[in-house]
């Protein structure tokens, strides 16, 4: 029997909408193709039903609705969302050196910098 191996989750950017102010249930449902259920009266709060790859799921007030990498939507509880996701950061690549570079050379340098950044190296 072989020993278990360790794996790290690949970094993936997702889109999400919070089911909380300033977003209305109708806006969130329209975005994800879900259906608003409930009437907003005490005891019958608004929620959204979403047809997911695993069947129909319900997102409640305070949940996040996530658009996954395959375009699928699903709800995620606030605590799990906060533990799992952080705001996406943009990377800035700075090219130093000769300002007389032609467009073709700039393109090659950008491509090299992007490959290094993707491998986790320094993009400079």
C-alpha atoms as a PDB file:
ATOM      1  CA  UNK A   1       0.000   0.000   0.000  1.00  0.00           C
ATOM      2  CA  UNK A   2       1.341   3.421  -0.885  1.00  0.00           C
ATOM      3  CA  UNK A   3       1.313   6.383   1.490  1.00  0.00           C
ATOM      4  CA  UNK A   4      -1.153   9.251   0.969  1.00  0.00           C
ATOM      5  CA  UNK A   5       0.146  12.236  -0.958  1.00  0.00           C
ATOM      6  CA  UNK A   6      -0.422  15.878  -0.146  1.00  0.00           C
ATOM      7  CA  UNK A   7      -2.115  18.190  -2.629  1.00  0.00           C
ATOM      8  CA  UNK A   8      -2.788  21.927  -2.680  1.00  0.00           C
ATOM      9  CA  UNK A   9      -5.913  23.387  -4.231  1.00  0.00           C
ATOM     10  CA  UNK A  10      -5.121  25.272  -7.451  1.00  0.00           C
ATOM     11  CA  UNK A  11      -5.768  29.000  -7.266  1.00  0.00           C
ATOM     12  CA  UNK A  12      -8.939  29.745  -9.195  1.00  0.00           C
ATOM     13  CA  UNK A  13     -10.802  33.016  -9.620  1.00  0.00           C
ATOM     14  CA  UNK A  14     -14.576  32.838  -9.298  1.00  0.00           C
ATOM     15  CA  UNK A  15     -17.411  35.336  -9.528  1.00  0.00           C
ATOM     16  CA  UNK A  16     -19.819  35.675  -6.607  1.00  0.00           C
ATOM     17  CA  UNK A  17     -22.707  37.818  -5.416  1.00  0.00           C
ATOM     18  CA  UNK A  18     -23.604  38.284  -1.761  1.00  0.00           C
ATOM     19  CA  UNK A  19     -27.245  37.718  -0.844  1.00  0.00           C
ATOM     20  CA  UNK A  20     -27.245  40.846   1.300  1.00  0.00           C
ATOM     21  CA  UNK A  21     -27.550  44.607   0.884  1.00  0.00           C
ATOM     22  CA  UNK A  22     -27.077  46.304  -1.502  1.00  0.00           C
ATOM     23  CA  UNK A  23     -27.988  43.265  -3.659  1.00  0.00           C
ATOM     24  CA  UNK A  24     -31.675  42.387  -3.821  1.00  0.00           C
ATOM     25  CA  UNK A  25     -32.891  38.778  -4.092  1.00  0.00           C
ATOM     26  CA  UNK A  26     -34.255  39.585  -7.564  1.00  0.00           C
ATOM     27  CA  UNK A  27     -30.857  40.873  -8.763  1.00  0.00           C
ATOM     28  CA  UNK A  28     -29.027  37.810  -7.466  1.00  0.00           C
ATOM     29  CA  UNK A  29     -31.632  35.420  -8.915  1.00  0.00           C
ATOM     30  CA  UNK A  30     -31.487  37.158 -12.307  1.00  0.00           C
ATOM     31  CA  UNK A  31     -27.671  36.861 -12.320  1.00  0.00           C
ATOM     32  CA  UNK A  32     -27.576  33.149 -11.481  1.00  0.00           C
ATOM     33  CA  UNK A  33     -30.773  32.019 -13.192  1.00  0.00           C
ATOM     34  CA  UNK A  34     -32.366  31.162  -9.855  1.00  0.00           C
ATOM     35  CA  UNK A  35     -35.877  31.674  -8.505  1.00  0.00           C
ATOM     36  CA  UNK A  36     -36.832  33.879  -5.566  1.00  0.00           C
ATOM     37  CA  UNK A  37     -38.989  32.003  -3.056  1.00  0.00           C
ATOM     38  CA  UNK A  38     -40.709  33.350   0.057  1.00  0.00           C
ATOM     39  CA  UNK A  39     -42.669  36.529   0.457  1.00  0.00           C
ATOM     40  CA  UNK A  40     -40.383  38.526   2.775  1.00  0.00           C
ATOM     41  CA  UNK A  41     -42.935  38.374   5.605  1.00  0.00           C
ATOM     42  CA  UNK A  42     -41.735  37.213   9.016  1.00  0.00           C
ATOM     43  CA  UNK A  43     -41.530  33.425   8.981  1.00  0.00           C
ATOM     44  CA  UNK A  44     -41.248  33.359   5.187  1.00  0.00           C
ATOM     45  CA  UNK A  45     -37.963  35.134   4.373  1.00  0.00           C
ATOM     46  CA  UNK A  46     -36.670  35.457   0.863  1.00  0.00           C
ATOM     47  CA  UNK A  47     -34.345  32.779  -0.453  1.00  0.00           C
ATOM     48  CA  UNK A  48     -33.223  31.714  -3.912  1.00  0.00           C
ATOM     49  CA  UNK A  49     -33.546  28.266  -5.424  1.00  0.00           C
ATOM     50  CA  UNK A  50     -30.766  27.416  -7.865  1.00  0.00           C
ATOM     51  CA  UNK A  51     -30.607  24.423 -10.166  1.00  0.00           C
ATOM     52  CA  UNK A  52     -27.075  23.128  -9.610  1.00  0.00           C
ATOM     53  CA  UNK A  53     -25.132  20.166 -10.972  1.00  0.00           C
ATOM     54  CA  UNK A  54     -26.143  18.310  -7.779  1.00  0.00           C
ATOM     55  CA  UNK A  55     -29.854  19.237  -7.949  1.00  0.00           C
ATOM     56  CA  UNK A  56     -31.852  22.199  -6.649  1.00  0.00           C
ATOM     57  CA  UNK A  57     -30.152  24.065  -3.785  1.00  0.00           C
ATOM     58  CA  UNK A  58     -31.366  27.013  -1.741  1.00  0.00           C
ATOM     59  CA  UNK A  59     -29.360  30.144  -0.965  1.00  0.00           C
ATOM     60  CA  UNK A  60     -30.471  32.078   2.120  1.00  0.00           C
ATOM     61  CA  UNK A  61     -29.958  35.693   3.170  1.00  0.00           C
ATOM     62  CA  UNK A  62     -26.255  36.227   3.910  1.00  0.00           C
ATOM     63  CA  UNK A  63     -25.082  33.385   1.668  1.00  0.00           C
ATOM     64  CA  UNK A  64     -22.843  33.909  -1.337  1.00  0.00           C
ATOM     65  CA  UNK A  65     -23.889  32.640  -4.757  1.00  0.00           C
ATOM     66  CA  UNK A  66     -20.830  31.427  -6.621  1.00  0.00           C
ATOM     67  CA  UNK A  67     -20.309  31.012 -10.339  1.00  0.00           C
ATOM     68  CA  UNK A  68     -17.868  28.138 -10.720  1.00  0.00           C
ATOM     69  CA  UNK A  69     -15.190  27.620 -13.343  1.00  0.00           C
ATOM     70  CA  UNK A  70     -17.561  25.644 -15.598  1.00  0.00           C
ATOM     71  CA  UNK A  71     -20.237  28.384 -15.432  1.00  0.00           C
ATOM     72  CA  UNK A  72     -22.320  26.528 -12.843  1.00  0.00           C
ATOM     73  CA  UNK A  73     -23.913  28.338  -9.879  1.00  0.00           C
ATOM     74  CA  UNK A  74     -24.262  27.206  -6.289  1.00  0.00           C
ATOM     75  CA  UNK A  75     -24.814  28.767  -2.840  1.00  0.00           C
ATOM     76  CA  UNK A  76     -22.113  28.960  -0.184  1.00  0.00           C
ATOM     77  CA  UNK A  77     -22.576  29.838   3.497  1.00  0.00           C
ATOM     78  CA  UNK A  78     -20.903  33.076   4.648  1.00  0.00           C
ATOM     79  CA  UNK A  79     -18.403  31.416   7.023  1.00  0.00           C
ATOM     80  CA  UNK A  80     -17.231  28.864   4.485  1.00  0.00           C
ATOM     81  CA  UNK A  81     -16.950  31.571   1.816  1.00  0.00           C
ATOM     82  CA  UNK A  82     -14.795  33.770   4.095  1.00  0.00           C
ATOM     83  CA  UNK A  83     -12.512  30.827   4.964  1.00  0.00           C
ATOM     84  CA  UNK A  84     -12.150  29.743   1.332  1.00  0.00           C
ATOM     85  CA  UNK A  85     -12.038  32.896  -0.786  1.00  0.00           C
ATOM     86  CA  UNK A  86     -10.319  36.269  -0.756  1.00  0.00           C
ATOM     87  CA  UNK A  87     -10.682  39.203  -3.162  1.00  0.00           C
ATOM     88  CA  UNK A  88      -8.806  38.627  -6.412  1.00  0.00           C
ATOM     89  CA  UNK A  89      -5.714  40.762  -6.845  1.00  0.00           C
ATOM     90  CA  UNK A  90      -4.428  41.952 -10.159  1.00  0.00           C
ATOM     91  CA  UNK A  91      -0.755  41.544 -10.945  1.00  0.00           C
ATOM     92  CA  UNK A  92       1.268  44.380 -12.353  1.00  0.00           C
ATOM     93  CA  UNK A  93       4.220  43.473 -14.531  1.00  0.00           C
ATOM     94  CA  UNK A  94       6.866  46.171 -14.746  1.00  0.00           C
ATOM     95  CA  UNK A  95       9.339  46.057 -17.601  1.00  0.00           C
ATOM     96  CA  UNK A  96      12.579  47.848 -16.920  1.00  0.00           C
ATOM     97  CA  UNK A  97      15.308  48.683 -19.318  1.00  0.00           C
ATOM     98  CA  UNK A  98      15.434  50.041 -22.807  1.00  0.00           C
ATOM     99  CA  UNK A  99      12.450  52.263 -23.588  1.00  0.00           C
ATOM    100  CA  UNK A 100      13.244  51.890 -27.300  1.00  0.00           C
ATOM    101  CA  UNK A 101      11.987  48.296 -27.453  1.00  0.00           C
ATOM    102  CA  UNK A 102       9.762  47.421 -30.375  1.00  0.00           C
ATOM    103  CA  UNK A 103       6.264  46.027 -29.878  1.00  0.00           C
ATOM    104  CA  UNK A 104       7.389  42.506 -30.784  1.00  0.00           C
ATOM    105  CA  UNK A 105      10.131  42.465 -28.107  1.00  0.00           C
ATOM    106  CA  UNK A 106       7.768  43.928 -25.493  1.00  0.00           C
ATOM    107  CA  UNK A 107       5.324  41.119 -26.323  1.00  0.00           C
ATOM    108  CA  UNK A 108       8.050  38.480 -25.871  1.00  0.00           C
ATOM    109  CA  UNK A 109       9.074  39.965 -22.508  1.00  0.00           C
ATOM    110  CA  UNK A 110       5.454  40.076 -21.341  1.00  0.00           C
ATOM    111  CA  UNK A 111       4.954  36.436 -22.350  1.00  0.00           C
ATOM    112  CA  UNK A 112       8.095  35.379 -20.444  1.00  0.00           C
ATOM    113  CA  UNK A 113       6.987  37.368 -17.369  1.00  0.00           C
ATOM    114  CA  UNK A 114       3.532  35.785 -17.507  1.00  0.00           C
ATOM    115  CA  UNK A 115       5.017  32.266 -17.688  1.00  0.00           C
ATOM    116  CA  UNK A 116       7.274  32.993 -14.687  1.00  0.00           C
ATOM    117  CA  UNK A 117       4.346  34.426 -12.712  1.00  0.00           C
ATOM    118  CA  UNK A 118       2.181  31.393 -13.540  1.00  0.00           C
ATOM    119  CA  UNK A 119       4.915  29.098 -12.208  1.00  0.00           C
ATOM    120  CA  UNK A 120       4.975  31.164  -9.018  1.00  0.00           C
ATOM    121  CA  UNK A 121       8.254  32.907  -9.781  1.00  0.00           C
ATOM    122  CA  UNK A 122       9.069  36.576  -9.704  1.00  0.00           C
ATOM    123  CA  UNK A 123       7.392  38.370 -12.605  1.00  0.00           C
ATOM    124  CA  UNK A 124      10.033  41.112 -12.733  1.00  0.00           C
END
